[in-house]
Amino acid sequence: MKTKRRMPLKNFIKRNGRMLVGGTIIAVLIIMAVFAPYIATHDPDAYDYTNRFDLPSSEHLLGTDTHGRDIFSRMVYGTRISLLLGFGVNFFAVVVGAFCGILCGYFKKVDAVLMRIMEGLHSLPTTLLAMVVASVLGPGIEKLMIALVVTALPGVCRMTRSQVLSLRQKEFIEVEKAMGASHLRIMLLHIMPSCSHYLIIRFCTGISGTILSAATLAYLSVGLDPTIPNWGATIADGQGMFLVYPHMILWPGIWMIVAVFGFIFFGEGLRERLDPRLK
């Protein structure tokens, strides 16, 4: 009886390197978000005008901002906002977008109406659309989440629709129709599972874009209350003093870049494992 050979550690790391790196970064971010009160060294909202513009030190790991607030603590608490928006926005975008995409791909009459709306939204610049929706709804995390979901929906819908169009003519779908299976049964038991790995990949890769979009809007003072610790507002606070105190933008910028690349690496690694076209 043949025994299954174990994959050498070197080959395992080479094959799953992106997922390991990205997963490690994501795990650290989640730990920071959950245990922020224990990891932060200062109150992120505490003003201390006697220690404004302090350089990174043992007292303030990333220095202080224009109001004397500890930048490290604000970035740690800002991780909560970024992950909440990243996971929340993409969850709703994938669920609603997949539902709309399946309807568009399966029913031609629905496609004629709903897809035109999605194409109209998709034709607008993402940041501009998010700014308009967020400005209309007003400030608030929930309202910003809605604005970002609106911008993410067209991409998910179009991707799901294209998959459904390719699956609709497959033999196993025709067999189910010939056996009298209902449209709902075909969509739930056959089409949805066939699209699931694309949706999982889209969920993971979409988080990085959501984090950047949320930071951009916060940088422009749109959607979030500036007093709430978040990555975009932290960078915006330091832009006026960048030439004199570069640490106010440099370290928060590196923090955000590492976080975004963590989700990109994990998503790309996941795509290599799940996408059948790459196997």
Protein backbone atom coordinates (compact mmCIF):
# COMPACT_ATOMS: atom_id res chain seq x y z
CA MET A 1 0.00 0.00 0.00
CA LYS A 2 1.44 3.31 -1.09
CA THR A 3 1.69 6.05 1.50
CA LYS A 4 1.04 9.66 0.63
CA ARG A 5 4.29 11.58 0.49
CA ARG A 6 4.47 14.75 2.52
CA MET A 7 5.30 17.97 0.73
CA PRO A 8 8.77 19.23 1.74
CA LEU A 9 8.70 22.37 3.88
CA LYS A 10 10.65 24.32 1.24
CA ASN A 11 8.14 23.47 -1.48
CA PHE A 12 5.22 24.19 0.84
CA ILE A 13 6.57 27.66 1.63
CA LYS A 14 7.31 28.30 -2.04
CA ARG A 15 3.81 27.25 -3.05
CA ASN A 16 1.99 29.06 -0.25
CA GLY A 17 4.42 31.90 0.42
CA ARG A 18 2.01 34.69 -0.46
CA MET A 19 -0.75 33.28 1.68
CA LEU A 20 1.63 32.79 4.61
CA VAL A 21 2.95 36.35 4.44
CA GLY A 22 -0.46 37.88 3.88
CA GLY A 23 -2.10 35.67 6.50
CA THR A 24 0.51 36.65 9.08
CA ILE A 25 -0.05 40.35 8.45
CA ILE A 26 -3.84 39.92 8.60
CA ALA A 27 -3.56 37.93 11.84
CA VAL A 28 -1.46 40.70 13.43
CA LEU A 29 -3.98 43.33 12.32
CA ILE A 30 -6.89 41.35 13.75
CA ILE A 31 -5.07 40.90 17.07
CA MET A 32 -4.39 44.64 17.18
CA ALA A 33 -8.02 45.44 16.47
CA VAL A 34 -9.36 43.04 19.10
CA PHE A 35 -6.84 43.94 21.82
CA ALA A 36 -6.42 47.61 20.96
CA PRO A 37 -7.00 48.84 24.56
CA TYR A 38 -4.13 46.62 25.76
CA ILE A 39 -1.75 47.29 22.85
CA ALA A 40 -2.17 51.07 22.61
CA THR A 41 0.29 52.90 24.82
CA HIS A 42 -1.83 56.06 25.23
CA ASP A 43 -5.38 57.29 24.95
CA PRO A 44 -5.75 57.92 21.18
CA ASP A 45 -7.95 60.98 21.80
CA ALA A 46 -5.86 62.54 24.58
CA TYR A 47 -4.60 66.02 23.67
CA ASP A 48 -1.17 66.97 25.04
CA TYR A 49 -0.01 70.29 23.61
CA THR A 50 3.18 70.21 25.65
CA ASN A 51 4.37 67.21 23.60
CA ARG A 52 3.34 68.25 20.10
CA PHE A 53 5.45 66.97 17.16
CA ASP A 54 7.47 64.59 19.33
CA LEU A 55 9.71 62.29 17.30
CA PRO A 56 9.43 58.51 17.69
CA SER A 57 10.79 57.44 21.07
CA SER A 58 10.26 54.90 23.82
CA GLU A 59 7.47 57.11 25.18
CA HIS A 60 5.74 57.62 21.81
CA LEU A 61 6.66 54.78 19.46
CA LEU A 62 5.63 56.64 16.28
CA GLY A 63 5.78 60.16 17.68
CA THR A 64 2.91 62.60 18.25
CA ASP A 65 0.77 64.70 15.93
CA THR A 66 -0.18 68.37 15.81
CA HIS A 67 -2.35 68.00 18.92
CA GLY A 68 0.12 65.91 20.89
CA ARG A 69 -1.84 62.70 20.38
CA ASP A 70 0.11 59.45 20.23
CA ILE A 71 0.27 58.34 16.58
CA PHE A 72 0.90 54.68 17.39
CA SER A 73 -2.24 54.50 19.56
CA ARG A 74 -4.32 56.22 16.88
CA MET A 75 -3.09 53.76 14.25
CA VAL A 76 -3.88 50.80 16.50
CA TYR A 77 -7.42 52.01 17.12
CA GLY A 78 -7.71 52.99 13.47
CA THR A 79 -7.12 49.33 12.61
CA ARG A 80 -10.53 48.58 14.10
CA ILE A 81 -12.25 51.02 11.74
CA SER A 82 -10.31 49.82 8.69
CA LEU A 83 -11.01 46.12 9.31
CA LEU A 84 -14.65 46.77 10.18
CA LEU A 85 -15.14 48.61 6.91
CA GLY A 86 -13.01 46.17 4.92
CA PHE A 87 -14.79 43.02 6.06
CA GLY A 88 -18.25 44.56 6.35
CA VAL A 89 -18.29 46.31 2.99
CA ASN A 90 -17.02 43.31 1.06
CA PHE A 91 -19.34 40.89 2.83
CA PHE A 92 -22.43 42.87 1.82
CA ALA A 93 -21.00 43.66 -1.62
CA VAL A 94 -20.35 39.99 -2.34
CA VAL A 95 -23.74 38.81 -1.02
CA VAL A 96 -25.83 41.47 -2.78
CA GLY A 97 -23.61 41.62 -5.86
CA ALA A 98 -23.68 37.84 -6.30
CA PHE A 99 -27.48 37.81 -5.99
CA CYS A 100 -27.83 40.56 -8.59
CA GLY A 101 -25.24 38.93 -10.88
CA ILE A 102 -26.99 35.56 -10.79
CA LEU A 103 -30.33 37.19 -11.61
CA CYS A 104 -28.78 39.17 -14.47
CA GLY A 105 -27.02 36.14 -15.91
CA TYR A 106 -29.99 33.81 -15.59
CA PHE A 107 -32.93 36.05 -16.55
CA LYS A 108 -32.59 38.16 -19.70
CA LYS A 109 -35.37 40.57 -18.73
CA VAL A 110 -33.73 41.31 -15.36
CA ASP A 111 -30.39 41.68 -17.12
CA ALA A 112 -31.81 44.29 -19.49
CA VAL A 113 -32.76 46.56 -16.57
CA LEU A 114 -30.50 45.80 -13.61
CA MET A 115 -27.27 45.47 -15.58
CA ARG A 116 -27.80 48.89 -17.16
CA ILE A 117 -27.92 50.38 -13.66
CA MET A 118 -24.75 48.54 -12.68
CA GLU A 119 -22.97 49.69 -15.82
CA GLY A 120 -23.99 53.25 -15.06
CA LEU A 121 -22.51 53.02 -11.56
CA HIS A 122 -19.41 51.26 -12.90
CA SER A 123 -18.77 54.06 -15.39
CA LEU A 124 -18.37 56.63 -12.60
CA PRO A 125 -15.01 57.11 -10.82
CA THR A 126 -15.07 55.02 -7.65
CA THR A 127 -13.81 57.72 -5.29
CA LEU A 128 -16.13 60.36 -6.74
CA LEU A 129 -19.15 58.06 -6.45
CA ALA A 130 -18.27 57.19 -2.86
CA MET A 131 -17.81 60.87 -2.00
CA VAL A 132 -21.20 61.79 -3.46
CA VAL A 133 -23.07 58.98 -1.69
CA ALA A 134 -21.25 59.58 1.61
CA SER A 135 -21.92 63.32 1.41
CA VAL A 136 -25.63 62.72 0.77
CA LEU A 137 -25.96 60.20 3.62
CA GLY A 138 -23.88 62.22 6.07
CA PRO A 139 -21.10 61.21 8.49
CA GLY A 140 -21.10 57.86 10.25
CA ILE A 141 -19.45 54.46 9.94
CA GLU A 142 -22.68 52.75 8.85
CA LYS A 143 -23.37 55.40 6.20
CA LEU A 144 -19.79 55.25 4.93
CA MET A 145 -20.16 51.47 4.69
CA ILE A 146 -23.25 51.91 2.52
CA ALA A 147 -21.38 54.34 0.25
CA LEU A 148 -18.51 51.90 -0.20
CA VAL A 149 -20.88 48.97 -0.81
CA VAL A 150 -22.52 50.95 -3.62
CA THR A 151 -19.14 51.45 -5.29
CA ALA A 152 -18.17 47.77 -4.92
CA LEU A 153 -21.47 46.28 -6.13
CA PRO A 154 -21.02 46.76 -9.91
CA GLY A 155 -17.72 44.86 -10.02
CA VAL A 156 -19.07 41.87 -8.10
CA CYS A 157 -22.28 41.85 -10.14
CA ARG A 158 -20.45 41.95 -13.48
CA MET A 159 -18.04 39.19 -12.43
CA THR A 160 -20.84 36.92 -11.20
CA ARG A 161 -22.94 37.60 -14.29
CA SER A 162 -20.09 36.58 -16.60
CA GLN A 163 -19.68 33.30 -14.69
CA VAL A 164 -23.41 32.58 -14.83
CA LEU A 165 -23.52 33.25 -18.58
CA SER A 166 -20.76 30.69 -19.12
CA LEU A 167 -22.43 28.15 -16.83
CA ARG A 168 -25.97 28.56 -18.13
CA GLN A 169 -25.24 26.61 -21.31
CA LYS A 170 -23.37 23.77 -19.62
CA GLU A 171 -24.68 20.25 -20.06
CA PHE A 172 -25.42 19.63 -16.37
CA ILE A 173 -27.61 22.76 -16.28
CA GLU A 174 -29.50 21.60 -19.38
CA VAL A 175 -29.96 18.18 -17.78
CA GLU A 176 -31.41 19.76 -14.63
CA LYS A 177 -33.83 21.81 -16.72
CA ALA A 178 -34.88 18.71 -18.67
CA MET A 179 -35.55 16.89 -15.38
CA GLY A 180 -37.91 19.68 -14.33
CA ALA A 181 -35.68 21.40 -11.75
CA SER A 182 -36.90 24.85 -10.72
CA HIS A 183 -34.93 28.00 -11.43
CA LEU A 184 -34.33 28.48 -7.71
CA ARG A 185 -32.93 24.96 -7.33
CA ILE A 186 -30.59 25.42 -10.29
CA MET A 187 -29.34 28.78 -9.01
CA LEU A 188 -28.80 27.66 -5.41
CA LEU A 189 -27.51 24.10 -5.88
CA HIS A 190 -25.54 24.41 -9.13
CA ILE A 191 -24.73 27.96 -10.18
CA MET A 192 -23.93 29.44 -6.75
CA PRO A 193 -21.45 26.68 -5.73
CA SER A 194 -19.73 26.99 -9.11
CA CYS A 195 -19.22 30.73 -8.51
CA SER A 196 -18.26 30.42 -4.83
CA HIS A 197 -14.48 30.30 -5.27
CA TYR A 198 -14.54 33.45 -7.42
CA LEU A 199 -16.61 35.22 -4.77
CA ILE A 200 -14.24 34.13 -1.98
CA ILE A 201 -11.28 35.48 -3.94
CA ARG A 202 -13.18 38.71 -4.67
CA PHE A 203 -13.98 39.12 -0.98
CA CYS A 204 -10.33 38.82 0.08
CA THR A 205 -8.86 40.99 -2.67
CA GLY A 206 -11.61 43.59 -2.30
CA ILE A 207 -10.70 44.34 1.31
CA SER A 208 -7.46 46.04 0.29
CA GLY A 209 -9.31 48.36 -2.09
CA THR A 210 -11.91 49.16 0.55
CA ILE A 211 -9.22 50.06 3.08
CA LEU A 212 -7.63 52.45 0.59
CA SER A 213 -10.99 53.97 -0.37
CA ALA A 214 -11.97 54.47 3.27
CA ALA A 215 -8.59 56.06 4.05
CA THR A 216 -8.93 58.34 1.01
CA LEU A 217 -12.37 59.53 2.07
CA ALA A 218 -11.21 60.04 5.66
CA TYR A 219 -8.21 61.98 4.34
CA LEU A 220 -10.68 64.24 2.51
CA SER A 221 -12.82 64.51 5.70
CA VAL A 222 -15.74 62.69 4.07
CA GLY A 223 -17.82 59.98 5.73
CA LEU A 224 -16.08 59.72 9.11
CA ASP A 225 -15.93 62.08 12.04
CA PRO A 226 -12.33 63.43 12.03
CA THR A 227 -12.11 62.87 15.79
CA ILE A 228 -12.50 59.10 15.33
CA PRO A 229 -9.04 57.47 15.10
CA ASN A 230 -8.54 56.29 11.54
CA TRP A 231 -5.64 55.92 9.16
CA GLY A 232 -6.69 58.53 6.59
CA ALA A 233 -7.32 61.26 9.16
CA THR A 234 -3.98 60.54 10.86
CA ILE A 235 -2.14 61.11 7.58
CA ALA A 236 -4.22 64.22 6.82
CA ASP A 237 -3.30 65.71 10.22
CA GLY A 238 0.40 65.49 9.40
CA GLN A 239 0.42 66.69 5.81
CA GLY A 240 0.94 70.35 6.72
CA MET A 241 4.10 69.59 8.72
CA PHE A 242 5.49 66.83 6.49
CA LEU A 243 8.69 68.67 5.48
CA VAL A 244 9.56 69.48 9.10
CA TYR A 245 8.19 66.39 10.84
CA PRO A 246 8.04 63.61 8.21
CA HIS A 247 7.34 60.94 10.84
CA MET A 248 3.74 62.17 11.07
CA ILE A 249 3.04 60.78 7.58
CA LEU A 250 5.90 58.35 6.99
CA TRP A 251 5.11 55.74 9.67
CA PRO A 252 1.32 55.84 9.30
CA GLY A 253 1.80 55.53 5.53
CA ILE A 254 4.06 52.49 5.90
CA TRP A 255 1.56 50.96 8.36
CA MET A 256 -1.27 51.32 5.86
CA ILE A 257 0.82 50.06 2.91
CA VAL A 258 1.83 46.92 4.83
CA ALA A 259 -1.82 46.27 5.75
CA VAL A 260 -3.00 46.68 2.15
CA PHE A 261 -0.26 44.45 0.76
CA GLY A 262 -1.09 41.83 3.39
CA PHE A 263 -4.61 41.46 1.97
CA ILE A 264 -3.30 41.61 -1.60
CA PHE A 265 -0.78 38.83 -0.95
CA PHE A 266 -3.36 36.66 0.78
CA GLY A 267 -5.91 37.23 -1.97
CA GLU A 268 -3.42 36.47 -4.75
CA GLY A 269 -2.23 33.35 -2.95
CA LEU A 270 -5.82 32.25 -2.48
CA ARG A 271 -6.52 32.86 -6.17
CA GLU A 272 -3.61 30.64 -7.16
CA ARG A 273 -5.04 27.83 -5.03
CA LEU A 274 -8.74 28.17 -5.88
CA ASP A 275 -8.88 29.46 -9.45
CA PRO A 276 -9.20 26.39 -11.67
CA ARG A 277 -7.64 28.24 -14.60
CA LEU A 278 -4.34 28.49 -12.71
CA LYS A 279 -4.13 24.81 -11.72
